[in-house]
């Protein structure tokens, strides 16, 4: 059977082959993408600078490594509170706790995915030293409330833009002290790994750079393995092989092929975090920013808008009222995710009822529960033919009509 996947890797076979061979190139690999107040690395051309303070761009192994590096350099007092969006990557919470800090969830507005201002005010106490805002699913939520709170209370303001890069010149909100961007295998403009931390505080930027230079480099073999995995995943993402492998009654997890193996013990996790990018990864990130797939990003946003307009009005979309959305993922809330997934698979598209990329910060507040309970991700990418989209929308509409009661 032909089955379209939920998500398409934002890479070509040629791009994966560049990553595979980048390790044998002689040209130096940058660790600094852009200096404070200056343009980016020469390889990146001269993209438009955003207004506000200049920023240092530090290339890191992953957003998690960058966040660990940042908390190490920030030297927050042990036992301090870190207020963080109530829906985020679970490892971000793990890293906060690794540093002897206490994560405090800040509820989010399910319609915009921005932090709720009243919840933010309630979460901040005399123990709070930092605030982390997570942008979800390709939406860029407003940082207004977070910026006001950070300024009023003297907090370190961090924004996690791993899921929401807007283009090659995107350095995040200039009001944030640090903006983190991911180029992981499933992310927009993937470099099969890597991250950039745009830091607007020179003291933090210098300390982070010095610390990372003391870390061992990621092995070239590990990165080459990611390139091979990418080539295999691209081949398997075509409808026929994807249907043969992941269709049918026996359900396999497509993300198992591409998911990173993160150690669960503290010592192994710390060692996994404390590595700097290998030269091949650094070159690939630089190349991906220089050749950013802006046209595909626009087409993906248009595909997301088209799907949003085709859905029945009773389907609730977290982030549906967000001002800027690139639809890295297309989430909806339904009453019975498993039943909806099976109905859509019968219509020829796969849908994911969950993801390891996000989770609630416990104790989960009501807005976070509404975003996560009944969550299903629909395919919304430009390579999905419009007739196939219309077919699965009709199947979803029929399923909801047959079983009313989906959350609104």
Protein backbone atom coordinates (compact mmCIF):
# COMPACT_ATOMS: atom_id res chain seq x y z
CA UNK A 1 0.00 0.00 0.00
CA UNK A 2 1.05 3.60 -0.57
CA UNK A 3 1.30 5.51 2.71
CA UNK A 4 2.49 9.10 3.06
CA UNK A 5 4.55 9.74 6.21
CA UNK A 6 3.61 12.26 8.88
CA UNK A 7 6.84 14.22 8.46
CA UNK A 8 9.34 14.74 5.66
CA UNK A 9 13.03 15.22 6.38
CA UNK A 10 14.08 18.66 5.12
CA UNK A 11 17.10 17.39 3.20
CA UNK A 12 18.04 15.90 -0.16
CA UNK A 13 20.20 12.87 -0.89
CA UNK A 14 22.84 15.27 -2.23
CA UNK A 15 22.77 17.21 1.03
CA UNK A 16 23.19 14.01 3.04
CA UNK A 17 26.09 12.95 0.83
CA UNK A 18 27.77 16.33 1.43
CA UNK A 19 27.50 15.69 5.17
CA UNK A 20 28.93 12.19 4.69
CA UNK A 21 32.00 13.49 2.85
CA UNK A 22 32.46 16.78 4.77
CA UNK A 23 34.73 15.09 7.29
CA UNK A 24 37.52 14.61 4.73
CA UNK A 25 37.52 18.22 3.50
CA UNK A 26 40.56 20.27 4.44
CA UNK A 27 38.93 23.65 4.83
CA UNK A 28 38.61 24.84 8.44
CA UNK A 29 35.32 24.47 10.22
CA UNK A 30 33.89 27.45 12.12
CA UNK A 31 32.73 27.27 15.71
CA UNK A 32 31.58 30.90 15.79
CA UNK A 33 28.81 31.75 13.33
CA UNK A 34 28.73 35.51 13.93
CA UNK A 35 30.41 37.99 16.25
CA UNK A 36 28.52 40.47 18.39
CA UNK A 37 27.55 43.54 16.39
CA UNK A 38 28.94 42.14 13.12
CA UNK A 39 27.65 40.11 10.23
CA UNK A 40 27.69 36.33 10.23
CA UNK A 41 30.53 34.04 9.26
CA UNK A 42 31.78 35.00 5.75
CA UNK A 43 30.48 31.72 4.32
CA UNK A 44 26.93 32.81 5.15
CA UNK A 45 26.84 35.93 3.00
CA UNK A 46 25.19 39.03 4.46
CA UNK A 47 21.64 38.26 5.62
CA UNK A 48 19.63 41.11 7.10
CA UNK A 49 20.44 41.78 10.77
CA UNK A 50 17.44 42.09 13.04
CA UNK A 51 17.06 45.30 15.06
CA UNK A 52 18.39 45.33 18.59
CA UNK A 53 21.65 44.21 20.18
CA UNK A 54 24.18 42.25 18.21
CA UNK A 55 24.71 38.61 19.07
CA UNK A 56 27.46 36.01 19.10
CA UNK A 57 26.53 32.81 17.30
CA UNK A 58 28.15 29.76 18.88
CA UNK A 59 27.91 26.45 17.04
CA UNK A 60 27.07 23.57 19.41
CA UNK A 61 26.38 19.86 19.09
CA UNK A 62 22.68 20.22 19.91
CA UNK A 63 20.26 22.57 21.63
CA UNK A 64 20.56 20.38 24.71
CA UNK A 65 24.34 20.75 24.70
CA UNK A 66 23.96 24.51 24.21
CA UNK A 67 21.50 24.75 27.10
CA UNK A 68 23.83 22.75 29.35
CA UNK A 69 26.70 25.03 28.31
CA UNK A 70 24.60 28.11 29.02
CA UNK A 71 23.55 27.01 32.50
CA UNK A 72 27.18 26.13 33.28
CA UNK A 73 28.33 29.60 32.24
CA UNK A 74 25.43 31.39 33.98
CA UNK A 75 26.46 29.98 37.38
CA UNK A 76 22.99 30.27 38.88
CA UNK A 77 22.90 29.61 42.66
CA UNK A 78 22.08 26.01 43.54
CA UNK A 79 18.42 25.56 44.37
CA UNK A 80 17.31 28.51 42.22
CA UNK A 81 14.09 28.33 40.23
CA UNK A 82 14.04 28.29 36.43
CA UNK A 83 10.60 29.22 35.08
CA UNK A 84 9.95 27.39 31.81
CA UNK A 85 7.10 26.94 29.34
CA UNK A 86 4.92 24.11 30.62
CA UNK A 87 5.29 22.19 27.34
CA UNK A 88 8.87 21.61 26.24
CA UNK A 89 11.43 18.93 25.41
CA UNK A 90 11.71 16.59 28.43
CA UNK A 91 15.52 16.71 28.36
CA UNK A 92 15.44 20.47 28.99
CA UNK A 93 13.90 19.71 32.37
CA UNK A 94 16.48 17.02 32.95
CA UNK A 95 19.29 19.50 32.25
CA UNK A 96 17.85 22.07 34.64
CA UNK A 97 17.77 19.45 37.40
CA UNK A 98 21.27 18.27 36.47
CA UNK A 99 22.49 21.74 37.47
CA UNK A 100 20.82 21.58 40.88
CA UNK A 101 18.05 23.97 39.80
CA UNK A 102 14.28 23.62 40.09
CA UNK A 103 12.09 23.78 36.97
CA UNK A 104 8.84 25.69 37.52
CA UNK A 105 6.17 25.26 34.81
CA UNK A 106 4.57 28.35 33.31
CA UNK A 107 1.25 27.57 31.64
CA UNK A 108 0.71 28.40 27.97
CA UNK A 109 -2.26 29.64 25.97
CA UNK A 110 -3.39 26.67 23.82
CA UNK A 111 -4.53 29.01 21.04
CA UNK A 112 -1.28 30.97 20.66
CA UNK A 113 1.21 28.69 22.49
CA UNK A 114 2.61 31.82 24.20
CA UNK A 115 3.24 31.77 27.93
CA UNK A 116 0.19 32.91 29.89
CA UNK A 117 0.94 36.28 31.50
CA UNK A 118 -1.01 35.62 34.70
CA UNK A 119 0.63 32.20 35.08
CA UNK A 120 4.04 33.77 34.49
CA UNK A 121 3.50 36.36 37.20
CA UNK A 122 2.41 33.64 39.62
CA UNK A 123 5.44 31.44 38.81
CA UNK A 124 8.10 34.08 39.49
CA UNK A 125 9.36 34.38 43.05
CA UNK A 126 12.46 35.68 44.80
CA UNK A 127 14.09 32.31 43.98
CA UNK A 128 13.61 32.69 40.20
CA UNK A 129 16.79 33.39 38.27
CA UNK A 130 15.96 32.44 34.67
CA UNK A 131 13.02 32.15 32.30
CA UNK A 132 12.90 29.75 29.32
CA UNK A 133 10.26 30.23 26.61
CA UNK A 134 9.73 27.31 24.23
CA UNK A 135 8.33 27.94 20.74
CA UNK A 136 6.36 24.88 19.62
CA UNK A 137 5.44 23.09 16.38
CA UNK A 138 6.84 25.77 14.02
CA UNK A 139 4.94 28.65 15.64
CA UNK A 140 6.79 31.69 16.96
CA UNK A 141 4.83 32.91 19.95
CA UNK A 142 4.95 36.40 21.41
CA UNK A 143 7.79 37.13 23.82
CA UNK A 144 6.17 40.33 25.11
CA UNK A 145 5.07 39.05 28.52
CA UNK A 146 8.30 37.12 29.05
CA UNK A 147 10.45 40.13 28.13
CA UNK A 148 8.54 42.41 30.53
CA UNK A 149 8.86 39.88 33.36
CA UNK A 150 12.56 39.28 32.72
CA UNK A 151 13.28 42.98 32.72
CA UNK A 152 11.23 43.63 35.87
CA UNK A 153 12.83 40.80 37.87
CA UNK A 154 16.34 40.76 36.41
CA UNK A 155 15.97 37.26 34.93
CA UNK A 156 18.14 35.55 32.33
CA UNK A 157 15.74 35.23 29.35
CA UNK A 158 16.25 32.22 27.09
CA UNK A 159 14.14 31.28 24.08
CA UNK A 160 14.15 27.77 22.66
CA UNK A 161 13.59 28.15 18.91
CA UNK A 162 14.52 24.54 18.07
CA UNK A 163 11.17 23.94 16.36
CA UNK A 164 10.58 27.37 14.88
CA UNK A 165 13.39 28.78 12.75
CA UNK A 166 11.95 31.40 10.36
CA UNK A 167 14.82 31.77 7.89
CA UNK A 168 18.61 32.05 7.50
CA UNK A 169 18.73 35.51 9.14
CA UNK A 170 16.65 34.42 12.14
CA UNK A 171 18.56 35.06 15.36
CA UNK A 172 15.53 35.07 17.62
CA UNK A 173 13.97 37.91 19.53
CA UNK A 174 16.54 40.66 20.29
CA UNK A 175 15.04 40.99 23.79
CA UNK A 176 16.19 37.47 24.70
CA UNK A 177 19.61 37.03 26.29
CA UNK A 178 20.07 33.75 24.41
CA UNK A 179 18.15 32.24 21.47
CA UNK A 180 18.70 28.55 20.68
CA UNK A 181 18.22 27.03 17.21
CA UNK A 182 18.41 23.37 16.21
CA UNK A 183 19.54 21.70 12.99
CA UNK A 184 18.76 18.16 14.12
CA UNK A 185 17.74 15.45 11.70
CA UNK A 186 14.00 16.17 11.84
CA UNK A 187 14.29 19.96 12.03
CA UNK A 188 13.88 22.64 9.37
CA UNK A 189 17.03 23.00 7.20
CA UNK A 190 18.54 19.97 8.91
CA UNK A 191 22.31 19.60 9.05
CA UNK A 192 21.76 16.12 10.59
CA UNK A 193 22.63 17.64 13.94
CA UNK A 194 24.04 20.80 15.42
CA UNK A 195 22.65 23.95 16.98
CA UNK A 196 23.44 27.65 17.14
CA UNK A 197 23.21 29.64 20.37
CA UNK A 198 22.79 33.37 19.62
CA UNK A 199 24.02 35.11 22.78
CA UNK A 200 23.55 38.82 23.46
CA UNK A 201 25.61 38.97 26.65
CA UNK A 202 29.33 39.10 25.87
CA UNK A 203 30.29 37.63 29.26
CA UNK A 204 28.10 34.57 28.70
CA UNK A 205 29.22 34.16 25.09
CA UNK A 206 32.92 34.22 26.03
CA UNK A 207 32.46 31.77 28.91
CA UNK A 208 30.38 29.38 26.79
CA UNK A 209 32.97 29.42 24.01
CA UNK A 210 35.85 28.80 26.42
CA UNK A 211 34.05 25.92 28.11
CA UNK A 212 33.10 24.24 24.85
CA UNK A 213 36.69 24.41 23.57
CA UNK A 214 37.68 22.15 26.48
CA UNK A 215 35.12 19.51 25.52
CA UNK A 216 36.02 16.55 23.28
CA UNK A 217 34.76 16.63 19.71
CA UNK A 218 31.95 14.44 18.46
CA UNK A 219 33.43 11.53 16.51
CA UNK A 220 33.48 11.81 12.73
CA UNK A 221 32.19 8.25 12.53
CA UNK A 222 29.10 9.09 14.59
CA UNK A 223 28.24 11.98 12.31
CA UNK A 224 28.84 9.90 9.18
CA UNK A 225 26.45 7.33 10.62
CA UNK A 226 23.79 10.06 10.88
CA UNK A 227 24.31 10.87 7.21
CA UNK A 228 23.79 7.23 6.25
CA UNK A 229 20.65 7.11 8.41
CA UNK A 230 19.37 10.20 6.61
CA UNK A 231 19.87 8.64 3.17
CA UNK A 232 18.02 5.50 4.30
CA UNK A 233 15.21 7.54 5.86
CA UNK A 234 14.81 9.61 2.68
CA UNK A 235 14.49 6.43 0.62
CA UNK A 236 11.96 4.95 3.03
CA UNK A 237 9.87 8.13 3.16
CA UNK A 238 8.51 7.55 -0.32
CA UNK A 239 4.89 6.36 -0.13
CA UNK A 240 5.39 2.82 -1.41
CA UNK A 241 8.41 1.75 0.71
CA UNK A 242 7.00 3.64 3.69
CA UNK A 243 3.70 1.77 3.33
CA UNK A 244 5.46 -1.58 3.01
CA UNK A 245 7.55 -0.97 6.12
CA UNK A 246 5.18 0.97 8.37
CA UNK A 247 1.72 0.13 7.01
CA UNK A 248 -0.42 -2.88 7.78
CA UNK A 249 -1.69 -4.19 11.08
CA UNK A 250 1.71 -4.45 12.73
CA UNK A 251 2.58 -0.91 13.74
CA UNK A 252 6.23 0.14 13.78
CA UNK A 253 7.53 3.47 15.01
CA UNK A 254 9.08 5.43 12.09
CA UNK A 255 11.01 7.69 14.47
CA UNK A 256 12.87 4.70 15.89
CA UNK A 257 15.10 4.81 12.80
CA UNK A 258 16.21 8.41 13.29
CA UNK A 259 15.92 8.93 17.06
CA UNK A 260 19.17 9.73 18.86
CA UNK A 261 20.20 7.31 21.60
CA UNK A 262 20.46 9.51 24.67
CA UNK A 263 21.95 7.91 27.80
CA UNK A 264 19.50 7.70 30.68
CA UNK A 265 22.05 7.61 33.51
CA UNK A 266 23.36 10.95 34.77
CA UNK A 267 27.03 10.32 34.05
CA UNK A 268 26.37 9.07 30.53
CA UNK A 269 23.96 11.93 29.86
CA UNK A 270 26.49 14.53 31.01
CA UNK A 271 29.19 12.99 28.81
CA UNK A 272 26.79 12.94 25.87
CA UNK A 273 26.05 16.64 26.36
CA UNK A 274 29.65 17.77 26.85
CA UNK A 275 30.90 17.37 23.28
CA UNK A 276 31.60 19.96 20.62
CA UNK A 277 30.65 19.52 16.94
CA UNK A 278 33.04 17.64 14.69
CA UNK A 279 34.37 19.60 11.66
CA UNK A 280 32.00 17.80 9.27
CA UNK A 281 28.97 18.92 11.26
CA UNK A 282 30.29 22.48 11.51
CA UNK A 283 30.78 22.66 7.76
CA UNK A 284 27.34 21.24 7.09
CA UNK A 285 25.57 23.71 9.40
CA UNK A 286 27.42 26.59 7.70
CA UNK A 287 26.44 25.27 4.28
CA UNK A 288 22.79 24.79 5.26
CA UNK A 289 22.54 28.37 6.50
CA UNK A 290 24.21 29.64 3.33
CA UNK A 291 21.82 27.58 1.19
CA UNK A 292 18.78 27.80 3.41
CA UNK A 293 15.70 26.14 1.84
CA UNK A 294 13.60 29.31 2.07
CA UNK A 295 11.37 28.33 -0.84
CA UNK A 296 10.44 25.02 0.75
CA UNK A 297 9.78 26.78 4.06
CA UNK A 298 7.33 29.12 2.30
CA UNK A 299 5.68 26.19 0.52
CA UNK A 300 5.41 24.29 3.80
CA UNK A 301 3.74 27.26 5.48
CA UNK A 302 1.33 27.51 2.55
CA UNK A 303 0.56 23.79 2.79
CA UNK A 304 -0.15 24.20 6.50
CA UNK A 305 -2.50 27.11 5.85
CA UNK A 306 -4.28 25.13 3.14
CA UNK A 307 -4.78 22.19 5.51
CA UNK A 308 -5.99 24.51 8.27
CA UNK A 309 -8.57 25.96 5.91
CA UNK A 310 -9.76 22.51 4.82
CA UNK A 311 -10.28 21.05 8.31
CA UNK A 312 -13.76 20.95 9.86
CA UNK A 313 -14.31 23.79 12.37
CA UNK A 314 -14.74 21.40 15.31
CA UNK A 315 -11.09 20.34 15.13
CA UNK A 316 -9.02 22.26 17.69
CA UNK A 317 -5.53 23.24 16.54
CA UNK A 318 -3.00 24.19 19.26
CA UNK A 319 -1.26 27.33 18.07
CA UNK A 320 -3.95 28.04 15.51
CA UNK A 321 -3.96 31.72 16.54
CA UNK A 322 -0.17 32.12 16.54
CA UNK A 323 1.02 35.15 14.57
CA UNK A 324 3.89 33.42 12.75
CA UNK A 325 3.65 29.72 11.87
CA UNK A 326 5.83 27.62 9.56
CA UNK A 327 4.05 24.32 10.37
CA UNK A 328 7.09 22.26 11.26
CA UNK A 329 4.43 20.03 12.78
CA UNK A 330 0.67 20.28 12.37
CA UNK A 331 -1.03 19.38 15.68
CA UNK A 332 -4.73 18.80 16.26
CA UNK A 333 -6.67 17.64 19.33
CA UNK A 334 -9.17 14.78 18.99
CA UNK A 335 -11.12 12.68 21.47
CA UNK A 336 -9.65 9.30 20.44
CA UNK A 337 -6.19 9.64 18.86
CA UNK A 338 -5.72 5.92 18.16
CA UNK A 339 -9.01 5.66 16.25
CA UNK A 340 -8.29 8.82 14.24
CA UNK A 341 -4.80 7.59 13.33
CA UNK A 342 -6.22 4.32 12.01
CA UNK A 343 -8.87 6.16 9.97
CA UNK A 344 -6.22 8.37 8.39
CA UNK A 345 -3.95 5.43 7.64
CA UNK A 346 -6.86 3.83 5.79
CA UNK A 347 -6.99 7.04 3.74
CA UNK A 348 -3.31 6.66 2.83
CA UNK A 349 -1.53 9.01 5.24
CA UNK A 350 0.26 8.31 8.48
CA UNK A 351 -0.40 10.41 11.57
CA UNK A 352 1.51 10.40 14.82
CA UNK A 353 -0.38 10.28 18.12
CA UNK A 354 2.60 11.44 20.15
CA UNK A 355 6.22 12.55 19.94
CA UNK A 356 9.28 12.29 22.16
CA UNK A 357 10.11 15.91 21.24
CA UNK A 358 7.69 17.43 23.76
CA UNK A 359 6.17 16.73 27.15
CA UNK A 360 4.58 18.52 30.08
CA UNK A 361 6.54 20.01 32.95
CA UNK A 362 5.00 18.49 36.04
CA UNK A 363 2.75 19.36 37.69
CA UNK A 364 1.15 20.04 34.32
CA UNK A 365 -1.12 23.12 34.39
CA UNK A 366 -4.46 23.17 32.50
CA UNK A 367 -3.26 24.85 29.30
CA UNK A 368 -0.46 22.32 28.91
CA UNK A 369 -2.86 19.43 29.49
CA UNK A 370 -5.20 20.78 26.83
CA UNK A 371 -2.36 20.96 24.30
CA UNK A 372 -1.13 17.43 25.01
CA UNK A 373 -4.29 15.43 25.73
CA UNK A 374 -5.64 13.92 22.51
CA UNK A 375 -2.75 15.27 20.44
CA UNK A 376 -2.31 13.99 16.88
CA UNK A 377 0.12 15.30 14.25
CA UNK A 378 -1.16 15.47 10.67
CA UNK A 379 1.01 15.55 7.53
CA UNK A 380 1.27 19.11 6.16
CA UNK A 381 4.23 19.43 3.83
CA UNK A 382 4.49 20.62 0.22
CA UNK A 383 5.30 17.18 -1.20
CA UNK A 384 1.89 15.82 -0.07
CA UNK A 385 -0.44 15.97 -3.13
CA UNK A 386 -3.57 18.08 -2.65
CA UNK A 387 -5.90 15.18 -3.62
CA UNK A 388 -4.35 13.03 -0.89
CA UNK A 389 -4.78 15.86 1.61
CA UNK A 390 -8.43 16.23 0.63
CA UNK A 391 -8.91 12.48 0.98
CA UNK A 392 -7.58 12.33 4.52
CA UNK A 393 -9.48 15.48 5.53
CA UNK A 394 -12.68 13.79 4.33
CA UNK A 395 -11.78 10.68 6.33
CA UNK A 396 -11.11 12.81 9.43
CA UNK A 397 -14.40 14.68 8.98
CA UNK A 398 -16.31 11.41 8.63
CA UNK A 399 -14.61 9.97 11.70
CA UNK A 400 -15.45 13.01 13.80
CA UNK A 401 -19.04 12.92 12.56
CA UNK A 402 -19.38 9.27 13.46
CA UNK A 403 -17.89 9.84 16.93
CA UNK A 404 -18.73 13.38 18.05
CA UNK A 405 -17.27 14.83 21.21
CA UNK A 406 -13.80 15.97 20.20
CA UNK A 407 -12.35 18.64 22.49
CA UNK A 408 -12.99 22.19 21.31
